[in-house]
Amino acid sequence: MKNLDLDKPSGTRDFLPKEMRLRSSILKTIREKIESMGYQEVQTPTFEFLNLFEIRSGEKFRDDVFVFQDPTKYLKDEDKVVDYVLRPEFTAPICRLYVTSDLCVQPKPVKIYYVGSCYRYETPQPGRYREFTQVGVELIGSSHPEADVELILVAVEALEALGLDDLLVRINDLNILRGLLSDFNYDFDFQNRIFNVIDGASSDLRKLELGVPINKVRDEVLEEVREELSELNLATDLISILMMFLDLQGDLNVILPEIKTQIKKYPNAIKALEESPLEFVIKRLKTQDMTKYKIDLGIARGLDYYTNIVFEIDLPILGNQKQVCGGGRYNRLIQEFGGEDTPATGFAFGFDRLVLAWQKIHQESETNNNVDVMIVPYSLAEQDWAFKISKQLRLKGFKVEIDLMRRKFRKSLDHANKKQIPFTIIIGPDEVQKCQLSVKNMKTGEQKQLSLNETVLELKKNQMK
């Protein structure tokens, strides 16, 4: 017999019933909020062709994902080995789904959302696992900035519905930075290399601002990013502006004059700023009493496909894992996948981090029960009727458990108490003969003889308390 490794795979988790109930409850709240704004759920496969993601996911993409091939026994000599990948994120699959389904001919905008597992080979830490859950929203077909406004509001309102209202939305327009880099004659792909450097440094600096230890001090972060930008052979003037961008954050009215001063010699950057929808987005958010935001010129986002408006949402209570949401515009991506020129924007929640945040600010109930009532047959003779009653109660929407362990009567009641089940229904010979049920409130100890209909009313009355 083989020796089995019974340890769970590194970077994965098991969920016990109590944890599953919490995750289900949080997900239900998020779904209700998203659907209340007209979004419909879709699903994509857990694995995709690798080349789907290699179109626009960055040069280090393959190092961070789980790749596999067809089983060799199914391959013929002339077959070419095909690489598949466990889904690392949803944007590329959503674009494929849009292009290859009737979504592309539906009235615009197309408003969809998804929930599912993703897989990346990352160093496991709290709130970051190699198998993780994403909840995301996509709005496809509108190029107007009110679409960006709605996406930000959807994300913020979902978090507030969970009680996670101590948040900060960081917003940027990547076109300003792209305009500046084009003034120095850097093409789109090289710009993305610069973005990756800025994105990592910005993340470290924002954590330090919150007092989160990252084994570096501010000066070390700045020195490292300056060295990385120098290694890319960037002009000294450009490096100075980029270093300034890393620190430039606040209300648009405050930082706009500084941006204009820094880029005044660069026509493409000035044009991008003049055409930027940032001012429109901020004004619309303010009309909705949204004040928990900052313009942050340091946000560059790590994936290559983002254009225009991007945003991230931090929950400071999570410290090093503070970022729980990220997204923005990807106006080129659908066309790159073979579709028509179609603007799109979206975001994704790191669901595992939302659960961590919820646990930190809410006092979680200690109950282990997810059952409304336990039916206790006095003996085997009453078992048939117990199963019939349990079916009738389930049809009325109650969660019902029958004692299946043939315990002594008192031990069955003790068991219901331990599981904190609020009611028991005792069925003995008298109950069967009279077609009645002995309904016991396990909290008060009160016991009543009731008909089935009266029992339903009693249980519903308790649910409404």
Protein backbone atom coordinates (compact mmCIF):
# COMPACT_ATOMS: atom_id res chain seq x y z
CA MET A 1 0.00 0.00 0.00
CA LYS A 2 1.30 3.43 -0.93
CA ASN A 3 2.13 5.95 1.74
CA LEU A 4 -0.23 8.88 1.24
CA ASP A 5 0.72 12.50 1.90
CA LEU A 6 -2.33 13.68 3.79
CA ASP A 7 -1.12 17.25 4.23
CA LYS A 8 -3.06 19.76 2.19
CA PRO A 9 -1.20 21.30 -0.78
CA SER A 10 0.84 24.38 0.08
CA GLY A 11 -1.09 27.60 -0.29
CA THR A 12 -4.55 26.02 -0.19
CA ARG A 13 -7.19 25.89 2.52
CA ASP A 14 -9.92 23.71 3.94
CA PHE A 15 -13.18 25.30 5.09
CA LEU A 16 -15.24 23.92 7.96
CA PRO A 17 -19.05 24.29 8.01
CA LYS A 18 -18.96 27.45 10.15
CA GLU A 19 -16.49 29.09 7.75
CA MET A 20 -18.56 28.02 4.77
CA ARG A 21 -21.67 29.62 6.27
CA LEU A 22 -19.81 32.87 6.83
CA ARG A 23 -18.45 32.93 3.27
CA SER A 24 -21.88 32.09 1.89
CA SER A 25 -23.48 34.92 3.89
CA ILE A 26 -20.89 37.48 2.76
CA LEU A 27 -21.19 36.35 -0.85
CA LYS A 28 -24.99 36.59 -0.68
CA THR A 29 -24.75 40.22 0.44
CA ILE A 30 -22.31 41.08 -2.37
CA ARG A 31 -24.45 39.32 -4.99
CA GLU A 32 -27.59 41.17 -3.88
CA LYS A 33 -25.86 44.54 -4.14
CA ILE A 34 -24.35 43.82 -7.56
CA GLU A 35 -27.60 42.43 -8.97
CA SER A 36 -29.56 45.40 -7.62
CA MET A 37 -27.63 47.53 -10.14
CA GLY A 38 -28.58 45.38 -13.12
CA TYR A 39 -25.64 42.95 -13.40
CA GLN A 40 -26.15 39.27 -14.27
CA GLU A 41 -23.90 36.36 -13.32
CA VAL A 42 -21.82 34.39 -15.82
CA GLN A 43 -19.38 31.51 -15.46
CA THR A 44 -16.22 30.60 -17.36
CA PRO A 45 -14.19 27.35 -17.31
CA THR A 46 -11.70 26.71 -14.52
CA PHE A 47 -8.98 26.13 -17.12
CA GLU A 48 -8.27 27.89 -20.40
CA PHE A 49 -5.73 27.80 -23.22
CA LEU A 50 -2.48 29.37 -22.02
CA ASN A 51 -2.17 31.61 -25.07
CA LEU A 52 -5.42 33.34 -24.10
CA PHE A 53 -3.56 34.98 -21.21
CA GLU A 54 -0.24 35.52 -22.96
CA ILE A 55 -1.83 38.14 -25.24
CA ARG A 56 -1.75 40.86 -22.59
CA SER A 57 -0.74 39.67 -19.14
CA GLY A 58 2.88 40.75 -18.78
CA GLU A 59 6.25 39.20 -19.44
CA LYS A 60 6.51 37.24 -16.17
CA PHE A 61 3.07 35.71 -16.50
CA ARG A 62 4.10 32.10 -17.20
CA ASP A 63 6.30 31.96 -14.07
CA ASP A 64 3.31 32.60 -11.81
CA VAL A 65 0.63 30.22 -13.12
CA PHE A 66 -0.14 26.50 -13.16
CA VAL A 67 0.38 25.08 -16.68
CA PHE A 68 -0.45 21.56 -17.88
CA GLN A 69 -0.96 19.59 -21.12
CA ASP A 70 -3.30 16.94 -22.52
CA PRO A 71 -2.74 13.44 -21.06
CA THR A 72 -0.08 11.76 -23.22
CA LYS A 73 -2.14 8.60 -23.81
CA TYR A 74 -4.61 10.65 -25.85
CA LEU A 75 -1.99 12.25 -28.08
CA LYS A 76 -1.13 10.91 -31.52
CA ASP A 77 2.27 11.33 -33.15
CA GLU A 78 1.07 14.22 -35.30
CA ASP A 79 -0.68 15.99 -32.42
CA LYS A 80 0.83 19.20 -31.19
CA VAL A 81 1.08 19.52 -27.42
CA VAL A 82 -1.33 22.20 -26.22
CA ASP A 83 -0.65 24.21 -23.06
CA TYR A 84 -3.54 24.86 -20.70
CA VAL A 85 -3.57 26.99 -17.58
CA LEU A 86 -5.62 27.00 -14.41
CA ARG A 87 -7.51 30.29 -14.53
CA PRO A 88 -5.29 32.97 -12.87
CA GLU A 89 -7.83 35.80 -13.29
CA PHE A 90 -11.10 36.49 -15.07
CA THR A 91 -10.63 39.43 -17.44
CA ALA A 92 -9.20 37.40 -20.34
CA PRO A 93 -11.84 34.63 -20.03
CA ILE A 94 -14.58 37.28 -19.88
CA CYS A 95 -13.26 38.85 -23.09
CA ARG A 96 -13.19 35.42 -24.77
CA LEU A 97 -16.74 34.73 -23.56
CA TYR A 98 -17.91 38.10 -24.86
CA VAL A 99 -16.35 37.61 -28.31
CA THR A 100 -17.51 34.01 -28.78
CA SER A 101 -21.06 34.24 -27.39
CA ASP A 102 -24.20 36.26 -28.04
CA LEU A 103 -23.08 38.77 -25.41
CA CYS A 104 -21.40 40.71 -28.21
CA VAL A 105 -24.73 41.35 -29.96
CA GLN A 106 -26.73 42.23 -26.87
CA PRO A 107 -27.75 45.87 -26.25
CA LYS A 108 -24.95 47.92 -24.71
CA PRO A 109 -23.76 48.21 -22.09
CA VAL A 110 -23.44 44.53 -21.22
CA LYS A 111 -23.39 44.27 -17.42
CA ILE A 112 -22.12 40.98 -15.99
CA TYR A 113 -20.41 39.63 -12.90
CA TYR A 114 -18.71 36.41 -11.84
CA VAL A 115 -17.67 34.39 -8.80
CA GLY A 116 -15.02 31.69 -8.98
CA SER A 117 -11.67 30.22 -8.02
CA CYS A 118 -8.39 31.45 -9.48
CA TYR A 119 -4.90 29.96 -9.20
CA ARG A 120 -1.50 31.65 -9.03
CA TYR A 121 1.85 30.43 -7.79
CA GLU A 122 2.43 33.03 -5.08
CA THR A 123 4.00 32.94 -1.64
CA PRO A 124 1.12 32.06 0.71
CA GLN A 125 0.25 34.60 3.40
CA PRO A 126 -2.93 35.73 5.18
CA GLY A 127 -5.46 36.76 2.55
CA ARG A 128 -3.27 35.52 -0.32
CA TYR A 129 -3.34 31.87 -1.39
CA ARG A 130 -2.45 29.86 -4.46
CA GLU A 131 -6.10 28.99 -4.81
CA PHE A 132 -8.30 31.99 -4.12
CA THR A 133 -11.76 33.33 -4.89
CA GLN A 134 -12.49 36.37 -7.03
CA VAL A 135 -15.77 38.24 -7.30
CA GLY A 136 -15.75 40.65 -10.21
CA VAL A 137 -17.93 42.99 -12.21
CA GLU A 138 -17.57 43.95 -15.88
CA LEU A 139 -19.31 46.74 -17.82
CA ILE A 140 -18.78 46.35 -21.56
CA GLY A 141 -19.72 48.74 -24.33
CA SER A 142 -19.61 52.21 -22.79
CA SER A 143 -16.68 54.55 -23.39
CA HIS A 144 -18.19 57.28 -21.23
CA PRO A 145 -16.73 58.09 -17.78
CA GLU A 146 -20.09 57.60 -16.05
CA ALA A 147 -19.42 53.88 -16.58
CA ASP A 148 -16.26 54.24 -14.48
CA VAL A 149 -18.27 56.12 -11.86
CA GLU A 150 -20.83 53.31 -11.65
CA LEU A 151 -18.16 50.63 -11.29
CA ILE A 152 -16.56 52.48 -8.38
CA LEU A 153 -19.97 52.95 -6.74
CA VAL A 154 -20.85 49.27 -7.16
CA ALA A 155 -17.61 48.27 -5.41
CA VAL A 156 -17.97 50.81 -2.60
CA GLU A 157 -21.65 50.04 -1.95
CA ALA A 158 -20.93 46.29 -1.81
CA LEU A 159 -18.24 46.89 0.82
CA GLU A 160 -20.48 49.23 2.80
CA ALA A 161 -23.27 46.63 2.73
CA LEU A 162 -20.83 44.33 4.56
CA GLY A 163 -20.07 47.02 7.12
CA LEU A 164 -16.59 47.53 5.60
CA ASP A 165 -16.97 51.28 5.29
CA ASP A 166 -13.55 52.32 6.63
CA LEU A 167 -12.13 52.28 3.12
CA LEU A 168 -10.11 54.39 0.72
CA VAL A 169 -10.54 54.46 -3.08
CA ARG A 170 -7.38 55.38 -5.00
CA ILE A 171 -7.98 56.59 -8.57
CA ASN A 172 -5.67 57.41 -11.47
CA ASP A 173 -5.77 57.97 -15.23
CA LEU A 174 -3.00 55.96 -16.88
CA ASN A 175 -3.26 58.06 -20.04
CA ILE A 176 -1.47 60.90 -18.26
CA LEU A 177 1.53 58.70 -17.61
CA ARG A 178 1.33 57.09 -21.06
CA GLY A 179 1.23 60.57 -22.64
CA LEU A 180 4.35 61.55 -20.72
CA LEU A 181 6.20 58.37 -21.70
CA SER A 182 5.23 58.82 -25.35
CA ASP A 183 6.83 62.27 -25.21
CA PHE A 184 10.06 60.38 -24.52
CA ASN A 185 9.29 58.05 -27.49
CA TYR A 186 8.68 54.88 -25.47
CA ASP A 187 6.30 52.38 -27.08
CA PHE A 188 3.37 50.68 -25.37
CA ASP A 189 5.25 47.54 -24.32
CA PHE A 190 8.19 49.46 -22.86
CA GLN A 191 5.75 51.71 -21.03
CA ASN A 192 4.36 48.61 -19.35
CA ARG A 193 7.82 47.72 -18.04
CA ILE A 194 7.98 51.14 -16.42
CA PHE A 195 4.47 50.66 -15.03
CA ASN A 196 5.53 47.44 -13.30
CA VAL A 197 8.36 49.25 -11.51
CA ILE A 198 6.09 52.10 -10.39
CA ASP A 199 3.31 49.73 -9.32
CA GLY A 200 5.56 47.78 -6.95
CA ALA A 201 7.10 50.89 -5.41
CA SER A 202 3.72 52.58 -4.98
CA SER A 203 2.36 49.54 -3.13
CA ASP A 204 5.28 49.60 -0.68
CA LEU A 205 5.00 53.35 -0.09
CA ARG A 206 1.25 53.23 0.61
CA LYS A 207 1.79 50.46 3.15
CA LEU A 208 4.45 52.50 4.91
CA GLU A 209 2.06 55.45 5.04
CA LEU A 210 -0.35 53.21 6.98
CA GLY A 211 2.41 52.14 9.36
CA VAL A 212 2.55 48.61 7.93
CA PRO A 213 6.02 47.04 8.40
CA ILE A 214 7.50 45.76 5.11
CA ASN A 215 11.16 45.26 6.13
CA LYS A 216 12.09 48.48 4.35
CA VAL A 217 12.04 52.15 5.19
CA ARG A 218 10.80 54.84 2.85
CA ASP A 219 14.26 55.93 1.69
CA GLU A 220 15.14 52.35 0.76
CA VAL A 221 11.98 52.00 -1.36
CA LEU A 222 12.72 55.26 -3.17
CA GLU A 223 16.34 54.31 -3.75
CA GLU A 224 15.35 50.92 -5.15
CA VAL A 225 12.81 52.36 -7.57
CA ARG A 226 15.27 55.02 -8.71
CA GLU A 227 17.85 52.29 -9.43
CA GLU A 228 15.32 50.18 -11.36
CA LEU A 229 14.26 53.15 -13.47
CA SER A 230 17.92 54.01 -14.13
CA GLU A 231 18.56 50.42 -15.27
CA LEU A 232 15.89 50.99 -17.93
CA ASN A 233 18.06 53.86 -19.23
CA LEU A 234 15.39 56.48 -18.69
CA ALA A 235 16.20 60.16 -19.03
CA THR A 236 17.08 61.92 -15.78
CA ASP A 237 14.22 64.42 -16.22
CA LEU A 238 11.73 61.58 -16.66
CA ILE A 239 12.97 59.74 -13.59
CA SER A 240 12.51 62.92 -11.53
CA ILE A 241 8.91 63.30 -12.72
CA LEU A 242 8.12 59.62 -12.07
CA MET A 243 9.54 59.88 -8.55
CA MET A 244 7.31 62.90 -7.98
CA PHE A 245 4.30 60.97 -9.31
CA LEU A 246 4.87 58.31 -6.65
CA ASP A 247 4.20 60.91 -3.95
CA LEU A 248 1.46 62.84 -5.73
CA GLN A 249 -1.89 62.00 -4.13
CA GLY A 250 -4.88 63.86 -2.74
CA ASP A 251 -7.90 65.75 -4.04
CA LEU A 252 -7.75 66.64 -7.72
CA ASN A 253 -8.03 70.38 -7.01
CA VAL A 254 -4.94 70.15 -4.81
CA ILE A 255 -2.67 68.07 -7.03
CA LEU A 256 -3.77 69.32 -10.47
CA PRO A 257 -1.56 72.46 -10.36
CA GLU A 258 1.46 70.33 -9.42
CA ILE A 259 0.82 67.92 -12.30
CA LYS A 260 0.58 70.79 -14.76
CA THR A 261 3.84 72.28 -13.49
CA GLN A 262 5.72 68.99 -13.82
CA ILE A 263 4.53 68.11 -17.35
CA LYS A 264 4.27 71.59 -18.91
CA LYS A 265 7.13 70.88 -21.38
CA TYR A 266 5.54 67.67 -22.66
CA PRO A 267 2.68 68.12 -25.19
CA ASN A 268 1.34 64.56 -25.17
CA ALA A 269 1.17 64.55 -21.39
CA ILE A 270 -0.58 67.95 -21.36
CA LYS A 271 -3.10 66.73 -23.95
CA ALA A 272 -3.78 63.57 -21.92
CA LEU A 273 -4.38 65.66 -18.81
CA GLU A 274 -6.72 68.04 -20.61
CA GLU A 275 -8.73 65.11 -22.01
CA SER A 276 -8.68 63.13 -18.78
CA PRO A 277 -12.07 62.11 -17.34
CA LEU A 278 -10.67 62.32 -13.80
CA GLU A 279 -12.43 65.59 -13.02
CA PHE A 280 -15.75 64.25 -14.33
CA VAL A 281 -15.41 61.05 -12.28
CA ILE A 282 -14.55 62.89 -9.06
CA LYS A 283 -17.42 65.37 -9.43
CA ARG A 284 -19.92 62.55 -9.99
CA LEU A 285 -18.61 60.62 -7.00
CA LYS A 286 -18.95 63.70 -4.81
CA THR A 287 -22.60 64.13 -5.83
CA GLN A 288 -23.15 60.63 -4.40
CA ASP A 289 -21.54 61.68 -1.10
CA MET A 290 -18.46 59.62 -1.92
CA THR A 291 -15.61 61.32 -0.08
CA LYS A 292 -13.32 58.40 0.75
CA TYR A 293 -11.07 58.73 -2.27
CA LYS A 294 -7.70 60.05 -3.39
CA ILE A 295 -6.25 60.77 -6.79
CA ASP A 296 -3.03 58.72 -6.72
CA LEU A 297 -0.58 59.21 -9.57
CA GLY A 298 1.41 56.22 -8.28
CA ILE A 299 -1.25 53.67 -9.27
CA ALA A 300 -0.07 51.90 -12.42
CA ARG A 301 -1.69 48.43 -12.01
CA GLY A 302 0.48 45.38 -12.66
CA LEU A 303 -1.31 43.95 -15.72
CA ASP A 304 -0.49 45.20 -19.20
CA TYR A 305 -3.98 45.61 -20.58
CA TYR A 306 -5.22 48.58 -18.52
CA THR A 307 -5.96 51.93 -20.18
CA ASN A 308 -7.45 55.21 -18.93
CA ILE A 309 -9.12 55.18 -15.49
CA VAL A 310 -7.86 52.64 -12.95
CA PHE A 311 -8.67 52.32 -9.26
CA GLU A 312 -7.86 50.34 -6.15
CA ILE A 313 -9.71 50.08 -2.84
CA ASP A 314 -7.85 49.70 0.46
CA LEU A 315 -9.17 48.50 3.80
CA PRO A 316 -6.53 49.81 6.23
CA ILE A 317 -7.71 47.35 8.91
CA LEU A 318 -5.98 44.57 6.93
CA GLY A 319 -2.52 46.15 7.11
CA ASN A 320 -0.17 44.45 4.65
CA GLN A 321 -3.12 42.88 2.80
CA LYS A 322 -5.02 46.17 2.65
CA GLN A 323 -5.88 46.12 -1.07
CA VAL A 324 -9.16 44.23 -1.51
CA CYS A 325 -10.25 45.53 -4.91
CA GLY A 326 -8.62 46.60 -8.13
CA GLY A 327 -9.73 47.36 -11.64
CA GLY A 328 -10.13 49.86 -14.42
CA ARG A 329 -10.52 50.30 -18.15
CA TYR A 330 -9.26 47.79 -20.71
CA ASN A 331 -10.50 49.42 -23.93
CA ARG A 332 -8.12 47.54 -26.26
CA LEU A 333 -8.43 44.01 -24.95
CA ILE A 334 -11.64 42.79 -26.60
CA GLN A 335 -10.33 43.87 -30.01
CA GLU A 336 -7.03 42.08 -29.32
CA PHE A 337 -9.04 38.91 -28.73
CA GLY A 338 -10.60 39.21 -32.18
CA GLY A 339 -13.71 41.18 -31.33
CA GLU A 340 -14.80 44.58 -32.52
CA ASP A 341 -13.32 47.75 -31.04
CA THR A 342 -15.23 47.68 -27.76
CA PRO A 343 -14.61 49.78 -24.64
CA ALA A 344 -14.85 47.98 -21.30
CA THR A 345 -14.18 48.48 -17.63
CA GLY A 346 -14.34 46.23 -14.61
CA PHE A 347 -12.98 45.30 -11.20
CA ALA A 348 -12.43 42.28 -8.98
CA PHE A 349 -12.64 41.75 -5.23
CA GLY A 350 -10.16 39.51 -3.47
CA PHE A 351 -12.93 37.63 -1.69
CA ASP A 352 -10.67 35.93 0.86
CA ARG A 353 -9.46 39.32 2.06
CA LEU A 354 -13.04 40.56 2.39
CA VAL A 355 -13.75 37.62 4.68
CA LEU A 356 -10.67 38.45 6.77
CA ALA A 357 -11.78 42.08 7.05
CA TRP A 358 -15.31 41.09 8.02
CA GLN A 359 -13.99 38.82 10.75
CA LYS A 360 -11.82 41.61 12.13
CA ILE A 361 -14.66 44.11 12.57
CA HIS A 362 -17.63 41.89 13.34
CA GLN A 363 -18.21 39.78 16.41
CA GLU A 364 -18.84 36.43 14.81
CA SER A 365 -21.58 34.31 16.35
CA GLU A 366 -20.31 31.30 18.25
CA THR A 367 -23.19 29.08 17.21
CA ASN A 368 -22.24 25.94 15.32
CA ASN A 369 -25.78 25.20 14.20
CA ASN A 370 -27.32 25.71 10.82
CA VAL A 371 -30.51 23.79 11.65
CA ASP A 372 -33.93 25.13 12.64
CA VAL A 373 -35.25 22.00 14.31
CA MET A 374 -34.18 18.49 15.27
CA ILE A 375 -36.70 15.66 15.16
CA VAL A 376 -36.23 13.06 17.89
CA PRO A 377 -38.13 9.78 17.35
CA TYR A 378 -38.66 7.98 20.65
CA SER A 379 -37.90 4.62 19.10
CA LEU A 380 -37.58 2.86 15.73
CA ALA A 381 -41.38 2.51 15.61
CA GLU A 382 -41.75 6.31 15.17
CA GLN A 383 -38.96 6.70 12.60
CA ASP A 384 -41.17 6.52 9.49
CA TRP A 385 -43.38 9.32 10.76
CA ALA A 386 -40.31 11.35 11.73
CA PHE A 387 -39.04 11.22 8.12
CA LYS A 388 -42.46 12.25 6.78
CA ILE A 389 -42.65 15.22 9.16
CA SER A 390 -39.08 16.28 8.27
CA LYS A 391 -40.01 16.30 4.58
CA GLN A 392 -43.10 18.44 5.21
CA LEU A 393 -41.09 20.95 7.23
CA ARG A 394 -38.34 21.16 4.59
CA LEU A 395 -41.00 21.89 1.98
CA LYS A 396 -41.98 24.86 4.16
CA GLY A 397 -38.40 26.16 4.01
CA PHE A 398 -36.99 24.93 7.34
CA LYS A 399 -33.65 23.20 7.87
CA VAL A 400 -34.41 19.92 9.60
CA GLU A 401 -32.22 17.23 11.13
CA ILE A 402 -33.33 13.81 12.40
CA ASP A 403 -31.42 12.04 15.15
CA LEU A 404 -29.82 9.12 13.30
CA MET A 405 -27.67 7.75 16.11
CA ARG A 406 -30.38 5.81 18.03
CA ARG A 407 -29.45 7.67 21.18
CA LYS A 408 -31.39 7.47 24.36
CA PHE A 409 -34.10 10.14 24.47
CA ARG A 410 -32.29 12.42 26.96
CA LYS A 411 -28.99 12.14 25.09
CA SER A 412 -30.74 13.24 21.90
CA LEU A 413 -31.91 16.41 23.64
CA ASP A 414 -28.40 16.98 25.03
CA HIS A 415 -27.07 16.64 21.51
CA ALA A 416 -29.52 19.27 20.22
CA ASN A 417 -28.42 21.59 23.02
CA LYS A 418 -24.74 21.17 22.16
CA LYS A 419 -25.44 22.06 18.54
CA GLN A 420 -27.54 25.02 19.70
CA ILE A 421 -30.53 23.89 17.65
CA PRO A 422 -33.39 26.15 18.78
CA PHE A 423 -36.25 23.57 18.64
CA THR A 424 -36.74 19.85 18.94
CA ILE A 425 -39.78 17.89 17.83
CA ILE A 426 -40.33 14.81 19.95
CA ILE A 427 -42.27 11.96 18.33
CA GLY A 428 -43.40 9.10 20.53
CA PRO A 429 -46.32 6.63 20.36
CA ASP A 430 -48.82 9.21 21.71
CA GLU A 431 -47.81 11.81 19.11
CA VAL A 432 -48.23 9.30 16.28
CA GLN A 433 -51.64 8.18 17.57
CA LYS A 434 -52.93 11.75 18.02
CA CYS A 435 -51.21 13.11 14.83
CA GLN A 436 -49.56 15.81 16.92
CA LEU A 437 -46.03 16.92 17.63
CA SER A 438 -44.31 17.74 20.93
CA VAL A 439 -42.43 20.94 20.12
CA LYS A 440 -39.79 21.94 22.65
CA ASN A 441 -38.15 25.37 22.73
CA MET A 442 -34.60 24.45 23.74
CA LYS A 443 -33.81 27.93 25.02
CA THR A 444 -36.83 28.43 27.31
CA GLY A 445 -37.61 24.77 27.98
CA GLU A 446 -41.28 25.35 27.06
CA GLN A 447 -42.94 22.35 25.39
CA LYS A 448 -46.23 22.38 23.45
CA GLN A 449 -48.47 19.82 21.78
CA LEU A 450 -49.10 21.20 18.27
CA SER A 451 -50.44 20.15 14.91
CA LEU A 452 -48.13 20.30 11.91
CA ASN A 453 -49.61 23.65 10.77
CA GLU A 454 -49.30 25.08 14.28
CA THR A 455 -45.69 23.88 14.41
CA VAL A 456 -44.91 25.70 11.16
CA LEU A 457 -46.34 28.93 12.61
CA GLU A 458 -44.35 28.50 15.83
CA LEU A 459 -41.08 27.99 13.96
CA LYS A 460 -41.73 30.96 11.65
CA LYS A 461 -42.50 33.15 14.68
CA ASN A 462 -39.12 32.25 16.10
CA GLN A 463 -37.32 33.03 12.81
CA MET A 464 -38.77 36.55 12.80
CA LYS A 465 -37.34 37.41 16.23
